[in-house]
Amino acid sequence: MPHGFRCILLTETPGTQAMKRNTSPPELSIIVPVLNESALLPALFQTIAGQERTAIELIICDGGSADGSADLARGLGDEAGFRVIVTSCERGRGRQLNAGAALSSAPTLLFLHADSRFAGCLALRTALDLLAGTAADRGHDRVAGRFPLRFVRSSTEPSLPYYYYECKARLDRPGCIHGDQGLMLRTAFFLDTGPFEPYPPMLAETRFADTVRHSGEWLLFPVEIFTSARRFESEGLHGRQALNAIIMNAAAIGWKDFFQKFSLIYTDNDGNGRPVTATVLRAIRGLVAALPARERLSLWYATGGYVLANAWQVPFFLDTRRNFRRGLPAGNCNHPLLDLHDRHLARLLSHGPGRMLAAALAWLWFQATSRCADALFRKRG
């Protein structure tokens, strides 16, 4: 196991199992954490099998699935034309990703989600060549890449919110690169930069992406990756993104009580058929209200700083809406309002009164959002 990795393999035989079909040394290790993903695994194996001109090993890191995901992966691996390793590991996205990296034998890693699909048969070959070429041009391996994101939805109607998030995922800004884009980098760079932080588990890949930005460079590959919008559609896009914004803010301001209280934020339901977003947003309101007045004010003031740091999303949304109405493809657009913000407005807003105003607006938004969650909680209850 490489230095710096701390993971717990719960089983090695048969929990860790390799099925070899292609005996050539792999040039890419694809690491996929799973937890009760048996419905998605056949399509995952299919999209990987469809990749051409790339020697692949697939490492499935099961976090204790109760739906037979690990056994299904072993069975699919028996029929695969590439090397497959199935391992059982302590639950938690960061821990599972680290466990997979520790088992890899390829010089390049791709951390992938189980619901990801590639747009073309040469997606991985194209990405590997661009990564290698850029590293050669730079004279070092401190380069990582991710794929442009495209959501797979049940509806074919154009959607501004989904278009916005697809455009945002193409930006190289803090908090914009996530695991559903696929994260590819050389193993040597990962050993220098990693491992993934195990806590909080829902931010393992986002925090790692920001670490890479500070110590290296992110590329955007020219081939799209498709990811399922299942969670957004089942829980509601706006509610889920509101919860995601609160999670990101809690991490940025160091609100440890939040993560201690809501360690199961990404559980699908609360056991009563209510979406977790409604349950958690309602509980967060109670947690904030229980704070002493001084701590509550400090929390909102810190939140104001986080909001100011992300104020660029307002002009970016306005640019995105204009491009959406014009029918422009995501990622191939100009952003004049965002450019104006970056050049002038960001500096004008960076002061104490601006932070207090941002805190007040965040408080109003939170009150409205949590009250909507209350209404949904009662309706579903």
Protein backbone atom coordinates (compact mmCIF):
# COMPACT_ATOMS: atom_id res chain seq x y z
CA MET A 1 0.00 0.00 0.00
CA PRO A 2 1.48 3.38 -0.99
CA HIS A 3 2.60 5.71 1.77
CA GLY A 4 -0.11 8.12 2.94
CA PHE A 5 -3.12 5.85 2.41
CA ARG A 6 -5.22 4.84 5.36
CA CYS A 7 -8.07 2.55 4.39
CA ILE A 8 -9.62 -0.51 5.93
CA LEU A 9 -10.24 -3.48 3.66
CA LEU A 10 -12.97 -5.43 5.40
CA THR A 11 -12.56 -8.53 3.27
CA GLU A 12 -9.86 -9.73 0.95
CA THR A 13 -11.09 -13.18 -0.08
CA PRO A 14 -13.51 -13.19 -1.77
CA GLY A 15 -14.10 -9.49 -1.00
CA THR A 16 -11.05 -8.54 -3.05
CA GLN A 17 -11.09 -10.45 -6.30
CA ALA A 18 -9.38 -9.85 -9.63
CA MET A 19 -10.65 -11.34 -12.89
CA LYS A 20 -8.07 -11.12 -15.69
CA ARG A 21 -9.07 -11.18 -19.34
CA ASN A 22 -6.63 -8.72 -20.92
CA THR A 23 -3.13 -9.59 -19.77
CA SER A 24 -1.46 -6.41 -21.04
CA PRO A 25 -0.43 -3.99 -18.26
CA PRO A 26 -3.19 -1.45 -17.66
CA GLU A 27 -2.47 2.17 -18.51
CA LEU A 28 -5.56 3.39 -16.66
CA SER A 29 -7.14 2.32 -13.36
CA ILE A 30 -10.82 3.28 -13.14
CA ILE A 31 -11.87 3.47 -9.49
CA VAL A 32 -15.59 3.39 -8.72
CA PRO A 33 -17.03 3.57 -5.18
CA VAL A 34 -20.38 1.81 -4.88
CA LEU A 35 -23.06 1.45 -2.24
CA ASN A 36 -26.23 -0.37 -3.27
CA GLU A 37 -25.71 0.36 -6.97
CA SER A 38 -26.62 -3.04 -8.48
CA ALA A 39 -29.10 -1.39 -10.88
CA LEU A 40 -26.32 0.74 -12.39
CA LEU A 41 -23.45 -1.72 -12.63
CA PRO A 42 -24.37 -3.47 -15.93
CA ALA A 43 -24.46 -0.12 -17.77
CA LEU A 44 -21.20 0.93 -16.10
CA PHE A 45 -19.43 -2.21 -17.33
CA GLN A 46 -20.95 -1.69 -20.76
CA THR A 47 -19.71 1.88 -21.14
CA ILE A 48 -16.20 0.88 -20.02
CA ALA A 49 -16.18 -2.14 -22.35
CA GLY A 50 -17.04 0.21 -25.21
CA GLN A 51 -13.83 2.21 -24.78
CA GLU A 52 -11.29 1.48 -27.51
CA ARG A 53 -7.48 1.64 -27.71
CA THR A 54 -7.07 1.81 -23.93
CA ALA A 55 -5.79 -0.87 -21.56
CA ILE A 56 -8.06 -0.62 -18.52
CA GLU A 57 -8.42 -2.10 -15.08
CA LEU A 58 -11.65 -1.46 -13.20
CA ILE A 59 -11.60 -1.35 -9.41
CA ILE A 60 -15.00 -1.56 -7.71
CA CYS A 61 -14.87 -0.42 -4.06
CA ASP A 62 -17.97 -1.62 -2.25
CA GLY A 63 -18.88 0.15 0.98
CA GLY A 64 -21.08 -2.59 2.40
CA SER A 65 -23.92 -2.87 -0.09
CA ALA A 66 -27.03 -4.77 0.93
CA ASP A 67 -28.29 -5.29 -2.65
CA GLY A 68 -25.61 -7.68 -3.91
CA SER A 69 -23.58 -5.04 -5.73
CA ALA A 70 -20.25 -6.70 -4.95
CA ASP A 71 -21.38 -10.17 -6.11
CA LEU A 72 -22.91 -8.69 -9.26
CA ALA A 73 -19.67 -6.84 -10.03
CA ARG A 74 -17.71 -10.09 -9.67
CA GLY A 75 -20.08 -11.82 -12.04
CA LEU A 76 -19.84 -9.02 -14.59
CA GLY A 77 -16.07 -9.07 -14.18
CA ASP A 78 -15.97 -12.74 -15.18
CA GLU A 79 -17.33 -11.75 -18.58
CA ALA A 80 -15.42 -8.48 -19.00
CA GLY A 81 -12.62 -8.04 -21.51
CA PHE A 82 -10.55 -6.06 -19.02
CA ARG A 83 -9.09 -6.63 -15.58
CA VAL A 84 -11.62 -6.22 -12.76
CA ILE A 85 -10.93 -5.97 -9.03
CA VAL A 86 -13.78 -6.00 -6.52
CA THR A 87 -12.94 -5.03 -2.96
CA SER A 88 -14.92 -4.41 0.19
CA CYS A 89 -13.95 -1.32 2.15
CA GLU A 90 -15.11 0.81 5.03
CA ARG A 91 -18.05 2.95 3.95
CA GLY A 92 -17.43 6.57 2.99
CA ARG A 93 -16.63 8.00 -0.43
CA GLY A 94 -13.16 9.22 0.51
CA ARG A 95 -12.23 5.92 2.18
CA GLN A 96 -13.52 3.90 -0.75
CA LEU A 97 -11.64 6.02 -3.29
CA ASN A 98 -8.44 5.71 -1.28
CA ALA A 99 -8.88 1.95 -1.05
CA GLY A 100 -9.20 1.72 -4.82
CA ALA A 101 -6.15 3.89 -5.41
CA ALA A 102 -4.14 1.66 -3.08
CA LEU A 103 -4.99 -1.39 -5.22
CA SER A 104 -4.32 0.20 -8.60
CA SER A 105 -1.42 -0.88 -10.81
CA ALA A 106 -1.70 1.69 -13.60
CA PRO A 107 0.27 4.93 -14.03
CA THR A 108 -2.96 6.94 -14.40
CA LEU A 109 -6.10 6.97 -12.24
CA LEU A 110 -9.70 7.87 -13.09
CA PHE A 111 -12.10 8.31 -10.17
CA LEU A 112 -15.55 7.68 -11.57
CA HIS A 113 -19.16 7.46 -10.35
CA ALA A 114 -21.27 4.36 -10.93
CA ASP A 115 -23.88 6.30 -12.92
CA SER A 116 -21.36 7.87 -15.31
CA ARG A 117 -21.42 7.08 -19.03
CA PHE A 118 -19.00 8.13 -21.79
CA ALA A 119 -20.14 9.98 -24.89
CA GLY A 120 -17.89 8.15 -27.35
CA CYS A 121 -15.74 5.05 -27.71
CA LEU A 122 -12.51 7.08 -27.69
CA ALA A 123 -13.33 9.25 -24.67
CA LEU A 124 -10.68 7.68 -22.44
CA ARG A 125 -8.08 7.51 -25.22
CA THR A 126 -8.62 11.21 -25.96
CA ALA A 127 -8.40 12.15 -22.28
CA LEU A 128 -5.24 10.10 -21.68
CA ASP A 129 -3.51 11.60 -24.71
CA LEU A 130 -4.39 15.16 -23.72
CA LEU A 131 -3.27 14.57 -20.14
CA ALA A 132 0.03 13.07 -21.28
CA GLY A 133 0.62 15.76 -23.88
CA THR A 134 -0.03 18.58 -21.44
CA ALA A 135 2.22 17.02 -18.82
CA ALA A 136 4.99 16.73 -21.41
CA ASP A 137 4.54 20.38 -22.41
CA ARG A 138 4.64 21.50 -18.78
CA GLY A 139 7.58 19.29 -17.91
CA HIS A 140 5.83 17.77 -14.87
CA ASP A 141 2.88 15.53 -13.92
CA ARG A 142 1.01 18.05 -11.78
CA VAL A 143 -1.87 18.10 -14.25
CA ALA A 144 -5.35 16.62 -13.80
CA GLY A 145 -8.40 16.53 -16.04
CA ARG A 146 -12.15 16.16 -15.89
CA PHE A 147 -14.92 15.74 -18.47
CA PRO A 148 -17.61 18.29 -19.42
CA LEU A 149 -20.81 17.25 -17.64
CA ARG A 150 -24.13 16.44 -19.29
CA PHE A 151 -27.16 15.34 -17.23
CA VAL A 152 -29.29 12.39 -18.29
CA ARG A 153 -32.87 13.35 -17.44
CA SER A 154 -36.25 11.70 -17.73
CA SER A 155 -37.50 14.72 -19.70
CA THR A 156 -36.11 15.96 -23.00
CA GLU A 157 -37.44 19.49 -22.49
CA PRO A 158 -34.70 22.17 -22.25
CA SER A 159 -34.08 23.17 -18.65
CA LEU A 160 -32.32 26.36 -17.57
CA PRO A 161 -31.31 25.02 -14.11
CA TYR A 162 -29.66 21.90 -15.56
CA TYR A 163 -28.07 23.99 -18.32
CA TYR A 164 -26.69 26.32 -15.65
CA TYR A 165 -25.08 23.49 -13.69
CA GLU A 166 -23.65 21.95 -16.86
CA CYS A 167 -22.08 25.31 -17.71
CA LYS A 168 -20.83 25.81 -14.15
CA ALA A 169 -19.13 22.39 -14.18
CA ARG A 170 -16.99 23.61 -17.08
CA LEU A 171 -15.47 26.42 -14.99
CA ASP A 172 -12.15 26.12 -13.21
CA ARG A 173 -13.20 27.84 -9.98
CA PRO A 174 -13.31 26.70 -6.35
CA GLY A 175 -16.30 24.47 -5.69
CA CYS A 176 -17.11 23.95 -9.39
CA ILE A 177 -15.34 20.64 -10.02
CA HIS A 178 -17.05 17.57 -8.58
CA GLY A 179 -16.72 13.82 -8.75
CA ASP A 180 -19.56 13.32 -11.21
CA GLN A 181 -17.29 14.74 -13.92
CA GLY A 182 -14.70 12.00 -13.48
CA LEU A 183 -11.31 12.99 -12.08
CA MET A 184 -8.23 11.79 -14.00
CA LEU A 185 -4.60 12.28 -12.98
CA ARG A 186 -1.28 10.50 -12.93
CA THR A 187 -0.75 8.15 -10.00
CA ALA A 188 2.43 10.00 -8.99
CA PHE A 189 0.52 13.29 -8.75
CA PHE A 190 -2.17 11.63 -6.65
CA LEU A 191 0.42 10.25 -4.26
CA ASP A 192 1.80 13.77 -3.83
CA THR A 193 -1.60 15.47 -3.53
CA GLY A 194 -3.88 12.87 -1.94
CA PRO A 195 -5.32 10.97 -0.32
CA PHE A 196 -8.97 11.97 -0.29
CA GLU A 197 -10.13 13.38 3.00
CA PRO A 198 -12.58 10.90 4.54
CA TYR A 199 -14.56 13.58 6.36
CA PRO A 200 -17.00 15.00 5.49
CA PRO A 201 -17.67 12.14 3.06
CA MET A 202 -19.94 14.09 0.69
CA LEU A 203 -17.17 16.60 -0.07
CA ALA A 204 -14.24 14.24 -0.59
CA GLU A 205 -13.91 14.83 -4.34
CA THR A 206 -14.74 18.54 -4.25
CA ARG A 207 -12.09 19.22 -1.64
CA PHE A 208 -9.58 17.11 -3.53
CA ALA A 209 -10.31 19.08 -6.71
CA ASP A 210 -9.54 22.33 -4.88
CA THR A 211 -6.31 20.82 -3.52
CA VAL A 212 -5.27 19.91 -7.07
CA ARG A 213 -5.97 23.47 -8.18
CA HIS A 214 -3.67 24.89 -5.53
CA SER A 215 -0.79 22.55 -6.39
CA GLY A 216 -1.30 21.90 -10.09
CA GLU A 217 -3.56 22.51 -13.06
CA TRP A 218 -7.01 21.32 -14.18
CA LEU A 219 -7.80 20.47 -17.80
CA LEU A 220 -11.25 20.17 -19.35
CA PHE A 221 -11.32 17.22 -21.72
CA PRO A 222 -13.06 17.72 -25.10
CA VAL A 223 -15.38 14.71 -24.63
CA GLU A 224 -18.54 14.89 -22.52
CA ILE A 225 -19.50 12.55 -19.72
CA PHE A 226 -23.13 11.73 -18.96
CA THR A 227 -24.37 11.44 -15.40
CA SER A 228 -27.80 10.60 -14.06
CA ALA A 229 -30.06 13.34 -12.69
CA ARG A 230 -31.87 10.70 -10.58
CA ARG A 231 -31.22 12.32 -7.19
CA PHE A 232 -32.25 15.77 -8.39
CA GLU A 233 -35.39 14.41 -9.99
CA SER A 234 -36.42 12.30 -7.00
CA GLU A 235 -35.80 15.00 -4.39
CA GLY A 236 -36.27 18.15 -6.44
CA LEU A 237 -33.44 20.06 -8.09
CA HIS A 238 -33.91 23.26 -6.11
CA GLY A 239 -34.14 21.52 -2.73
CA ARG A 240 -31.10 19.35 -3.37
CA GLN A 241 -29.02 22.30 -4.60
CA ALA A 242 -30.12 24.36 -1.59
CA LEU A 243 -28.86 21.57 0.64
CA ASN A 244 -25.63 21.33 -1.37
CA ALA A 245 -25.08 25.08 -0.92
CA ILE A 246 -25.51 24.75 2.84
CA ILE A 247 -23.07 21.83 2.92
CA MET A 248 -20.46 23.82 0.99
CA ASN A 249 -20.94 26.82 3.27
CA ALA A 250 -20.68 24.70 6.43
CA ALA A 251 -17.39 23.26 5.20
CA ALA A 252 -16.02 26.67 4.18
CA ILE A 253 -16.76 28.33 7.53
CA GLY A 254 -15.72 25.32 9.63
CA TRP A 255 -19.14 24.55 11.13
CA LYS A 256 -18.21 21.17 12.62
CA ASP A 257 -21.46 20.68 14.55
CA PHE A 258 -23.30 20.57 11.23
CA PHE A 259 -21.41 17.52 9.97
CA GLN A 260 -21.50 15.80 13.34
CA LYS A 261 -25.26 16.21 13.37
CA PHE A 262 -25.95 15.23 9.77
CA SER A 263 -23.52 12.44 8.96
CA LEU A 264 -26.23 10.72 6.88
CA ILE A 265 -27.08 13.73 4.71
CA TYR A 266 -26.90 11.73 1.50
CA THR A 267 -29.20 8.93 2.63
CA ASP A 268 -32.03 8.64 0.13
CA ASN A 269 -34.92 8.87 2.59
CA ASP A 270 -35.58 9.36 6.27
CA GLY A 271 -37.51 6.11 6.55
CA ASN A 272 -40.95 7.70 6.24
CA GLY A 273 -40.95 8.33 2.52
CA ARG A 274 -39.91 11.98 2.85
CA PRO A 275 -36.99 13.24 0.77
CA VAL A 276 -33.87 13.75 2.83
CA THR A 277 -33.66 17.36 1.68
CA ALA A 278 -36.87 18.28 3.48
CA THR A 279 -35.87 16.36 6.59
CA VAL A 280 -32.37 17.82 6.79
CA LEU A 281 -33.29 21.41 5.91
CA ARG A 282 -35.92 21.34 8.63
CA ALA A 283 -33.42 19.98 11.14
CA ILE A 284 -30.75 22.55 10.18
CA ARG A 285 -33.17 25.32 11.05
CA GLY A 286 -33.55 23.85 14.53
CA LEU A 287 -29.78 23.52 14.92
CA VAL A 288 -29.22 27.18 14.03
CA ALA A 289 -32.02 28.32 16.33
CA ALA A 290 -30.49 26.39 19.25
CA LEU A 291 -27.21 28.30 19.05
CA PRO A 292 -26.53 31.07 21.60
CA ALA A 293 -27.16 34.51 20.11
CA ARG A 294 -23.45 35.39 19.84
CA GLU A 295 -22.60 32.14 18.07
CA ARG A 296 -25.57 32.54 15.78
CA LEU A 297 -24.44 36.04 14.74
CA SER A 298 -20.90 34.78 14.22
CA LEU A 299 -22.24 31.95 12.05
CA TRP A 300 -24.19 34.34 9.83
CA TYR A 301 -21.29 36.78 9.55
CA ALA A 302 -18.97 33.95 8.44
CA THR A 303 -21.66 32.86 5.99
CA GLY A 304 -21.70 36.39 4.60
CA GLY A 305 -18.03 36.00 3.72
CA TYR A 306 -18.71 32.74 1.94
CA VAL A 307 -21.61 34.28 0.03
CA LEU A 308 -19.44 37.21 -1.10
CA ALA A 309 -16.78 34.81 -2.32
CA ASN A 310 -19.45 33.16 -4.46
CA ALA A 311 -21.24 36.33 -5.60
CA TRP A 312 -19.82 35.70 -9.08
CA GLN A 313 -22.57 33.11 -9.55
CA VAL A 314 -25.19 35.86 -9.91
CA PRO A 315 -23.67 37.46 -13.05
CA PHE A 316 -22.71 34.01 -14.27
CA PHE A 317 -26.36 32.92 -14.00
CA LEU A 318 -27.50 36.00 -15.93
CA ASP A 319 -24.97 35.26 -18.66
CA THR A 320 -26.06 31.62 -18.68
CA ARG A 321 -29.75 32.51 -18.94
CA ARG A 322 -29.05 34.74 -21.95
CA ASN A 323 -27.04 31.97 -23.63
CA PHE A 324 -29.76 29.41 -22.83
CA ARG A 325 -32.42 31.58 -24.47
CA ARG A 326 -30.21 31.88 -27.53
CA GLY A 327 -29.89 28.10 -27.73
CA LEU A 328 -26.12 28.12 -27.35
CA PRO A 329 -24.42 24.87 -26.29
CA ALA A 330 -23.05 24.68 -22.76
CA GLY A 331 -19.44 25.72 -22.55
CA ASN A 332 -19.28 27.55 -25.90
CA CYS A 333 -20.48 30.94 -24.69
CA ASN A 334 -19.23 34.34 -23.64
CA HIS A 335 -19.79 35.64 -20.10
CA PRO A 336 -19.53 39.45 -20.19
CA LEU A 337 -21.25 40.02 -16.84
CA LEU A 338 -19.02 37.48 -15.13
CA ASP A 339 -15.98 39.18 -16.65
CA LEU A 340 -17.25 42.54 -15.36
CA HIS A 341 -17.69 41.11 -11.87
CA ASP A 342 -14.20 39.64 -11.85
CA ARG A 343 -12.61 42.86 -13.04
CA HIS A 344 -14.46 45.38 -10.88
CA LEU A 345 -17.43 44.28 -8.75
CA ALA A 346 -15.62 41.66 -6.65
CA ARG A 347 -13.23 44.28 -5.33
CA LEU A 348 -16.02 46.79 -4.63
CA LEU A 349 -17.99 44.26 -2.54
CA SER A 350 -15.05 43.07 -0.44
CA HIS A 351 -15.59 45.09 2.75
CA GLY A 352 -17.35 44.79 6.11
CA PRO A 353 -20.70 46.34 5.12
CA GLY A 354 -20.82 44.17 2.01
CA ARG A 355 -20.25 41.10 4.14
CA MET A 356 -23.03 42.09 6.55
CA LEU A 357 -25.40 42.69 3.64
CA ALA A 358 -24.52 39.26 2.22
CA ALA A 359 -25.13 37.72 5.66
CA ALA A 360 -28.58 39.35 5.84
CA LEU A 361 -29.50 38.12 2.37
CA ALA A 362 -28.29 34.61 3.24
CA TRP A 363 -30.43 34.67 6.40
CA LEU A 364 -33.52 35.67 4.41
CA TRP A 365 -32.86 32.97 1.83
CA PHE A 366 -32.38 30.36 4.54
CA GLN A 367 -35.60 31.31 6.31
CA ALA A 368 -37.60 31.04 3.08
CA THR A 369 -35.94 27.76 2.09
CA SER A 370 -36.36 26.11 5.49
CA ARG A 371 -40.02 27.17 5.70
CA CYS A 372 -40.62 25.57 2.32
CA ALA A 373 -38.96 22.45 3.71
CA ASP A 374 -41.32 22.59 6.70
CA ALA A 375 -44.29 22.68 4.36
CA LEU A 376 -42.97 19.76 2.32
CA PHE A 377 -42.19 17.79 5.47
CA ARG A 378 -45.76 18.19 6.70
CA LYS A 379 -47.22 17.40 3.27
CA ARG A 380 -45.21 14.17 2.95
CA GLY A 381 -45.69 13.27 6.61
